[in-house]
Amino acid sequence: MTSTLRPYAGPENAPFYWQGDGDWAALLVHGFPGTPMEMRSVGQVLHAMGWTVQGILLPGFGPDFFQIDQYTYEDWAAAIEAATAGLRAQYPRVALAGNSVGAALSLLTSARMNVDALLLFAPFWRVNNRVIDGLYPLARRLLPELRVFKQADFSDRELRDMLYQILPDADLDDPATQAAIRELTFPVSVLGEVRAAGRAGYAAAPQVTAPVTIVQGKADVLAHPSLTPRLAAQLAGPAELHLVEGDHELTRMKPGTQADIVNAIQQFALARMAQSGRGLEADAPA
C-alpha cells in the first residue's frame, strides 16, 4: 500500500509527552486507524489532575500508515511494552489508557507486565456478528486488497471530512489528487491484525489483576455494548463499566457526550490517586 499522498501529516497526529507533578503516569494508546490525536482530550483531563501523560504512535500508523501492512499486532504490543517500561523506570505508578483496539492491546500489555490500572474506551475484541467474524479467513484469500475509495464522490461533505482527517494537506479538488486517492489499496491482512489483537486482548483479560475502568458508548456499533460486559466479566481484578451516550469515537468527546466521559476519567484518576495516598483531598478540575 504505497502512495505519494501524505497520511496524517499534521503535528496534531504526533506523539506527545506532558510532565505532571504526581506519582501517576499514563500511557495513552490510540486505536485503528488512529493517531495520538484521538487521545489528546483524555490526556488533557489526566494532566490537569497532575498526571504525566504520554501519547504513543504505534508502528505503521500516522505518517507510515501506507506501510502498515509491514507490521503485526505483536509489533504494536512490543511498542506499548517498551513505552510502559520507560514510564515504569520514572514513576512509581503506571496506568494504560487505550481506545478501541488500543484497549485490547492495553489488556495484553497489562497481562504481560502487570501495570497498576487501566482505563479503556470502547474496547474492541470482536465484531458483533459471528458469521462475519468467521468469514474473515475466506475473505482474506478471495479479496486480499480493497480499493475503498474507488467510487469516491469528492462532493460528499462527510467523505471530505473523513479524508481530511487522514490527508490533512491534500487538495481534494485537484484531479490528480482525486485519481491518486481512488487508486489507494488497503490490504485486508491489516484487518486480520486488528482482529487478532482483539482476540489476544480478550484472551489476556483473565490475567489482568489491576483495576479497570471501561467507558462504553451506548450507540457503538464497532465495540458493541452487548459485548463489553462479557469482556469485563473475564477480568481477574475489579472492573467498573460506565455506559455513556455516544458512539465508537468517545475519546473525541463530541458535543453532548463530553461531560459524562470527562466525569468517568476524573473518577478513575481520583480513585487511583487515593491508592497512592494522594487525591482524596484533591479537587477534580471543572
Protein backbone atom coordinates (compact mmCIF):
# COMPACT_ATOMS: atom_id res chain seq x y z
CA MET A 1 0.00 0.00 0.00
CA THR A 2 2.17 2.87 -1.28
CA SER A 3 1.31 6.38 -2.48
CA THR A 4 2.71 9.87 -2.92
CA LEU A 5 -0.07 11.13 -0.63
CA ARG A 6 0.99 12.09 2.91
CA PRO A 7 -1.25 10.49 5.54
CA TYR A 8 -1.70 12.07 8.97
CA ALA A 9 0.88 14.74 8.16
CA GLY A 10 -0.25 17.35 10.71
CA PRO A 11 1.57 17.95 14.02
CA GLU A 12 -1.62 17.13 15.90
CA ASN A 13 -1.03 13.46 14.99
CA ALA A 14 2.44 13.34 16.55
CA PRO A 15 3.28 11.62 19.85
CA PHE A 16 3.18 13.81 22.96
CA TYR A 17 4.56 13.77 26.49
CA TRP A 18 3.23 16.10 29.19
CA GLN A 19 5.03 16.10 32.53
CA GLY A 20 2.88 16.04 35.66
CA ASP A 21 3.66 16.64 39.32
CA GLY A 22 2.32 13.44 40.86
CA ASP A 23 3.14 9.76 41.28
CA TRP A 24 0.99 8.57 38.39
CA ALA A 25 1.83 8.34 34.71
CA ALA A 26 -0.44 7.11 31.94
CA LEU A 27 0.46 5.72 28.55
CA LEU A 28 -2.28 6.61 26.06
CA VAL A 29 -2.80 4.07 23.28
CA HIS A 30 -4.79 5.03 20.17
CA GLY A 31 -6.95 2.73 18.07
CA PHE A 32 -7.16 1.80 14.40
CA PRO A 33 -6.54 3.67 12.14
CA GLY A 34 -5.86 6.38 14.69
CA THR A 35 -3.03 8.51 15.96
CA PRO A 36 -2.19 10.13 19.32
CA MET A 37 -4.56 12.97 18.38
CA GLU A 38 -7.57 10.86 19.39
CA MET A 39 -6.13 10.54 22.92
CA ARG A 40 -5.24 14.20 23.48
CA SER A 41 -8.52 15.08 25.20
CA VAL A 42 -8.08 12.15 27.60
CA GLY A 43 -4.53 13.29 28.26
CA GLN A 44 -5.66 16.84 28.98
CA VAL A 45 -8.09 15.67 31.67
CA LEU A 46 -5.49 13.48 33.38
CA HIS A 47 -2.72 16.07 33.07
CA ALA A 48 -4.94 18.72 34.68
CA MET A 49 -5.10 16.38 37.69
CA GLY A 50 -1.32 16.18 37.99
CA TRP A 51 -0.68 13.07 35.93
CA THR A 52 2.17 12.64 33.49
CA VAL A 53 0.73 11.51 30.18
CA GLN A 54 2.41 10.06 27.11
CA GLY A 55 0.60 9.60 23.82
CA ILE A 56 2.27 6.88 21.77
CA LEU A 57 2.21 6.45 17.99
CA LEU A 58 2.10 2.75 17.15
CA PRO A 59 4.36 1.34 14.40
CA GLY A 60 2.85 1.66 10.94
CA PHE A 61 0.36 4.34 11.94
CA GLY A 62 0.38 8.09 11.35
CA PRO A 63 2.70 9.17 8.52
CA ASP A 64 3.66 5.50 7.97
CA PHE A 65 0.07 4.33 7.52
CA PHE A 66 0.53 3.33 3.89
CA GLN A 67 3.16 0.84 5.13
CA ILE A 68 1.02 -0.57 7.94
CA ASP A 69 0.86 -3.98 6.28
CA GLN A 70 4.54 -4.43 7.19
CA TYR A 71 3.62 -4.71 10.88
CA THR A 72 1.74 -7.17 13.07
CA TYR A 73 -0.23 -6.67 16.26
CA GLU A 74 2.76 -8.07 18.15
CA ASP A 75 4.82 -5.15 16.79
CA TRP A 76 2.20 -2.80 18.20
CA ALA A 77 2.23 -4.64 21.52
CA ALA A 78 6.03 -4.52 21.68
CA ALA A 79 5.98 -0.73 21.24
CA ILE A 80 3.45 -0.39 24.07
CA GLU A 81 5.51 -2.64 26.33
CA ALA A 82 8.68 -0.63 25.65
CA ALA A 83 6.94 2.68 26.38
CA THR A 84 5.37 1.23 29.52
CA ALA A 85 8.77 0.08 30.74
CA GLY A 86 10.12 3.58 30.11
CA LEU A 87 7.42 5.15 32.27
CA ARG A 88 7.83 2.45 34.92
CA ALA A 89 11.50 3.42 35.25
CA GLN A 90 10.49 7.00 36.10
CA TYR A 91 7.21 6.75 38.01
CA PRO A 92 6.01 4.52 40.86
CA ARG A 93 2.52 4.12 39.37
CA VAL A 94 1.77 3.50 35.70
CA ALA A 95 -1.62 3.16 34.04
CA LEU A 96 -2.60 2.33 30.48
CA ALA A 97 -5.42 4.17 28.72
CA GLY A 98 -6.44 2.52 25.46
CA ASN A 99 -9.04 3.25 22.81
CA SER A 100 -10.76 0.57 20.70
CA VAL A 101 -8.10 -1.93 19.58
CA GLY A 102 -5.70 0.11 21.73
CA ALA A 103 -7.79 -1.08 24.67
CA ALA A 104 -7.27 -4.70 23.64
CA LEU A 105 -3.54 -4.11 23.30
CA SER A 106 -3.52 -2.45 26.72
CA LEU A 107 -5.10 -5.56 28.24
CA LEU A 108 -2.46 -7.71 26.58
CA THR A 109 0.31 -5.48 27.93
CA SER A 110 -1.17 -5.49 31.42
CA ALA A 111 -1.26 -9.29 31.45
CA ARG A 112 2.39 -9.38 30.44
CA MET A 113 3.71 -6.52 32.61
CA ASN A 114 1.20 -6.15 35.47
CA VAL A 115 0.57 -2.39 35.29
CA ASP A 116 -1.23 -0.55 38.09
CA ALA A 117 -4.52 0.39 36.40
CA LEU A 118 -6.31 0.51 33.06
CA LEU A 119 -8.74 2.98 31.51
CA LEU A 120 -10.41 1.53 28.42
CA PHE A 121 -12.58 3.34 25.89
CA ALA A 122 -14.84 1.41 23.50
CA PRO A 123 -12.76 -1.78 23.95
CA PHE A 124 -12.78 -3.78 20.75
CA TRP A 125 -12.36 -7.55 20.99
CA ARG A 126 -14.54 -8.81 18.14
CA VAL A 127 -17.29 -7.66 15.80
CA ASN A 128 -20.88 -8.21 16.90
CA ASN A 129 -21.58 -10.84 14.25
CA ARG A 130 -20.04 -14.29 14.50
CA VAL A 131 -20.79 -15.08 10.86
CA ILE A 132 -18.93 -12.02 9.59
CA ASP A 133 -16.09 -12.69 12.02
CA GLY A 134 -15.86 -16.32 10.92
CA LEU A 135 -15.81 -15.38 7.24
CA TYR A 136 -12.65 -13.29 7.58
CA PRO A 137 -10.13 -16.06 6.67
CA LEU A 138 -12.03 -16.80 3.46
CA ALA A 139 -12.44 -13.12 2.61
CA ARG A 140 -8.72 -12.56 3.02
CA ARG A 141 -7.95 -15.26 0.48
CA LEU A 142 -10.58 -14.17 -2.03
CA LEU A 143 -10.05 -10.42 -1.71
CA PRO A 144 -6.53 -9.63 -0.45
CA GLU A 145 -6.83 -5.90 -1.20
CA LEU A 146 -9.60 -3.31 -1.14
CA ARG A 147 -9.86 -0.10 -3.12
CA VAL A 148 -12.08 1.64 -0.63
CA PHE A 149 -12.18 4.98 -2.46
CA LYS A 150 -12.56 3.63 -5.99
CA GLN A 151 -16.03 5.18 -6.39
CA ALA A 152 -15.38 8.21 -4.18
CA ASP A 153 -17.70 11.19 -4.61
CA PHE A 154 -15.49 14.14 -3.71
CA SER A 155 -18.50 16.45 -3.43
CA ASP A 156 -19.77 14.47 -0.42
CA ARG A 157 -19.11 16.52 2.72
CA GLU A 158 -18.84 13.54 5.08
CA LEU A 159 -16.32 11.85 2.81
CA ARG A 160 -14.29 15.04 2.54
CA ASP A 161 -14.24 15.44 6.32
CA MET A 162 -13.03 11.86 6.73
CA LEU A 163 -10.35 12.27 4.06
CA TYR A 164 -9.10 15.49 5.65
CA GLN A 165 -8.56 13.56 8.89
CA ILE A 166 -6.32 11.12 7.02
CA LEU A 167 -4.82 13.52 4.45
CA PRO A 168 -4.90 16.95 6.12
CA ASP A 169 -2.83 18.72 3.45
CA ALA A 170 -4.48 17.14 0.39
CA ASP A 171 -6.20 19.28 -2.24
CA LEU A 172 -9.38 17.25 -2.68
CA ASP A 173 -10.46 19.36 -5.65
CA ASP A 174 -7.31 18.57 -7.62
CA PRO A 175 -7.98 15.89 -10.30
CA ALA A 176 -4.55 14.31 -9.82
CA THR A 177 -5.12 14.03 -6.07
CA GLN A 178 -8.56 12.54 -6.62
CA ALA A 179 -7.10 9.97 -9.02
CA ALA A 180 -4.39 9.04 -6.50
CA ILE A 181 -6.97 8.57 -3.75
CA ARG A 182 -9.14 6.38 -5.97
CA GLU A 183 -6.12 4.17 -6.66
CA LEU A 184 -5.30 3.63 -2.98
CA THR A 185 -5.38 -0.02 -1.97
CA PHE A 186 -5.85 -1.37 1.53
CA PRO A 187 -4.52 -4.83 2.44
CA VAL A 188 -7.21 -6.94 4.08
CA SER A 189 -4.44 -8.61 6.11
CA VAL A 190 -4.27 -5.47 8.26
CA LEU A 191 -7.84 -6.07 9.39
CA GLY A 192 -6.65 -9.54 10.35
CA GLU A 193 -4.08 -8.00 12.68
CA VAL A 194 -6.77 -5.83 14.27
CA ARG A 195 -8.93 -8.93 14.67
CA ALA A 196 -6.02 -10.86 16.19
CA ALA A 197 -5.26 -8.01 18.60
CA GLY A 198 -8.86 -8.00 19.81
CA ARG A 199 -8.80 -11.74 20.37
CA ALA A 200 -5.46 -11.51 22.19
CA GLY A 201 -6.80 -8.80 24.48
CA TYR A 202 -9.86 -10.87 25.35
CA ALA A 203 -7.72 -13.96 25.98
CA ALA A 204 -5.41 -11.93 28.23
CA ALA A 205 -8.22 -10.49 30.37
CA PRO A 206 -8.22 -13.32 32.97
CA GLN A 207 -4.58 -12.46 33.73
CA VAL A 208 -5.33 -8.76 34.32
CA THR A 209 -5.46 -8.16 38.07
CA ALA A 210 -5.20 -4.36 38.04
CA PRO A 211 -8.35 -2.26 38.50
CA VAL A 212 -10.02 -1.49 35.17
CA THR A 213 -12.40 1.31 34.25
CA ILE A 214 -14.30 0.87 30.99
CA VAL A 215 -16.14 3.67 29.20
CA GLN A 216 -18.60 2.31 26.65
CA GLY A 217 -20.82 4.21 24.22
CA LYS A 218 -24.45 3.11 24.07
CA ALA A 219 -24.59 3.66 20.29
CA ASP A 220 -21.28 1.96 19.45
CA VAL A 221 -21.65 -0.43 16.51
CA LEU A 222 -17.96 -1.45 16.35
CA ALA A 223 -17.30 -2.28 20.00
CA HIS A 224 -20.89 -3.24 20.68
CA PRO A 225 -22.27 -2.52 24.17
CA SER A 226 -23.67 -6.06 24.36
CA LEU A 227 -20.14 -7.49 24.11
CA THR A 228 -18.31 -5.24 26.57
CA PRO A 229 -19.86 -6.74 29.74
CA ARG A 230 -18.59 -10.13 28.58
CA LEU A 231 -15.09 -8.70 28.36
CA ALA A 232 -15.43 -7.10 31.79
CA ALA A 233 -16.53 -10.45 33.26
CA GLN A 234 -13.27 -12.01 32.06
CA LEU A 235 -11.12 -9.65 34.12
CA ALA A 236 -9.44 -11.04 37.23
CA GLY A 237 -9.38 -7.69 39.04
CA PRO A 238 -12.05 -5.12 39.91
CA ALA A 239 -13.84 -3.54 36.96
CA GLU A 240 -16.13 -0.54 36.57
CA LEU A 241 -18.27 -0.09 33.46
CA HIS A 242 -19.55 3.37 32.55
CA LEU A 243 -22.26 3.35 29.87
CA VAL A 244 -22.43 6.79 28.27
CA GLU A 245 -24.18 8.43 25.36
CA GLY A 246 -22.00 8.21 22.28
CA ASP A 247 -20.65 6.04 19.50
CA HIS A 248 -17.23 4.47 18.92
CA GLU A 249 -15.37 7.79 18.95
CA LEU A 250 -15.71 8.54 22.65
CA THR A 251 -12.24 9.99 23.08
CA ARG A 252 -13.03 12.77 20.61
CA MET A 253 -15.62 13.95 23.17
CA LYS A 254 -18.26 15.14 20.75
CA PRO A 255 -20.91 17.65 21.89
CA GLY A 256 -23.46 16.00 24.16
CA THR A 257 -21.08 13.28 25.34
CA GLN A 258 -18.17 15.20 26.85
CA ALA A 259 -19.43 15.72 30.40
CA ASP A 260 -20.06 12.04 31.17
CA ILE A 261 -16.76 10.96 29.61
CA VAL A 262 -14.76 13.59 31.50
CA ASN A 263 -16.51 12.56 34.71
CA ALA A 264 -15.57 8.91 34.17
CA ILE A 265 -11.93 9.87 33.57
CA GLN A 266 -11.86 12.05 36.69
CA GLN A 267 -13.40 9.30 38.83
CA PHE A 268 -10.79 6.88 37.52
CA ALA A 269 -7.94 9.29 38.28
CA LEU A 270 -9.14 10.19 41.77
CA ALA A 271 -9.57 6.54 42.72
CA ARG A 272 -6.08 5.73 41.53
CA MET A 273 -4.56 8.75 43.30
CA ALA A 274 -6.24 7.62 46.51
CA GLN A 275 -4.34 4.32 46.12
CA SER A 276 -1.07 6.20 46.43
CA GLY A 277 -2.19 8.43 49.29
CA ARG A 278 -2.95 11.44 47.13
CA GLY A 279 -6.23 12.57 45.72
CA LEU A 280 -8.84 12.30 48.47
CA GLU A 281 -8.24 15.95 49.24
CA ALA A 282 -7.79 16.93 45.60
CA ASP A 283 -10.49 18.71 43.69
CA ALA A 284 -11.28 17.39 40.24
CA PRO A 285 -10.98 20.07 37.58
CA ALA A 286 -14.22 21.58 36.39
